[in-house]
Amino acid sequence: MSTAQKGRSDLKLASLRRDRKLVELARGAAFEIVDGDPDLAKHAILADELDLVFSDQDEEFLAKS
């Protein structure tokens, strides 16, 4: 067996136009979490995931924005 994935994926890509309400809800939830816990001390799993995704340079850029 090869490592190539076969078959159709059931995953759907988000569309900013079509999924606007969902994006707004997610944004609101994100701000609520970060505003209440800026260092994510109470959200260790989320903090670990973000460390995997963002580099130090990414974090600096986002902090300036």
Protein backbone atom coordinates (compact mmCIF):
# COMPACT_ATOMS: atom_id res chain seq x y z
CA MET A 1 0.00 0.00 0.00
CA SER A 2 1.22 3.46 -0.77
CA THR A 3 0.96 6.44 1.52
CA ALA A 4 -1.19 8.42 -0.95
CA GLN A 5 -4.63 9.23 0.31
CA LYS A 6 -7.46 7.95 -1.82
CA GLY A 7 -11.14 8.67 -1.87
CA ARG A 8 -13.21 11.74 -1.32
CA SER A 9 -12.81 13.83 1.78
CA ASP A 10 -15.88 14.81 3.78
CA LEU A 11 -14.07 17.91 5.02
CA LYS A 12 -15.36 21.20 3.72
CA LEU A 13 -13.21 24.30 3.37
CA ALA A 14 -14.50 27.42 5.05
CA SER A 15 -15.63 30.33 2.96
CA LEU A 16 -15.42 33.78 4.51
CA ARG A 17 -18.51 34.82 2.57
CA ARG A 18 -20.62 31.71 3.13
CA ASP A 19 -19.45 31.08 6.70
CA ARG A 20 -19.38 34.68 7.88
CA LYS A 21 -21.59 34.07 10.94
CA LEU A 22 -19.47 31.10 12.03
CA VAL A 23 -16.27 33.12 11.59
CA GLU A 24 -17.77 35.95 13.67
CA LEU A 25 -18.77 33.49 16.42
CA ALA A 26 -15.29 31.92 16.43
CA ARG A 27 -13.66 35.35 16.56
CA GLY A 28 -15.85 36.37 19.47
CA ALA A 29 -15.07 33.16 21.35
CA ALA A 30 -11.35 33.64 20.74
CA PHE A 31 -11.41 37.21 22.07
CA GLU A 32 -13.41 36.09 25.11
CA ILE A 33 -10.80 33.44 25.93
CA VAL A 34 -7.78 35.69 25.39
CA ASP A 35 -9.29 38.74 27.11
CA GLY A 36 -10.01 36.65 30.20
CA ASP A 37 -6.73 34.74 30.16
CA PRO A 38 -4.07 36.54 28.02
CA ASP A 39 -1.31 34.05 28.88
CA LEU A 40 -3.67 31.08 28.39
CA ALA A 41 -2.70 29.82 31.84
CA LYS A 42 -6.13 28.21 32.23
CA HIS A 43 -6.06 26.84 28.67
CA ALA A 44 -2.84 24.78 28.60
CA ILE A 45 -3.91 22.51 25.74
CA LEU A 46 -4.80 25.49 23.55
CA ALA A 47 -1.48 27.15 24.43
CA ASP A 48 0.41 23.98 23.45
CA GLU A 49 -1.39 23.79 20.10
CA LEU A 50 -0.64 27.44 19.36
CA ASP A 51 3.04 26.88 20.18
CA LEU A 52 3.11 24.16 17.53
CA VAL A 53 1.56 26.41 14.88
CA PHE A 54 3.15 29.81 15.49
CA SER A 55 6.83 30.75 15.54
CA ASP A 56 8.26 33.48 17.78
CA GLN A 57 8.22 35.84 14.77
CA ASP A 58 4.53 35.07 14.16
CA GLU A 59 3.75 35.86 17.79
CA GLU A 60 5.62 39.18 17.60
CA PHE A 61 3.75 40.14 14.43
CA LEU A 62 0.36 39.23 15.92
CA ALA A 63 1.12 41.11 19.13
CA LYS A 64 1.83 44.28 17.14
CA SER A 65 -1.37 44.05 15.09
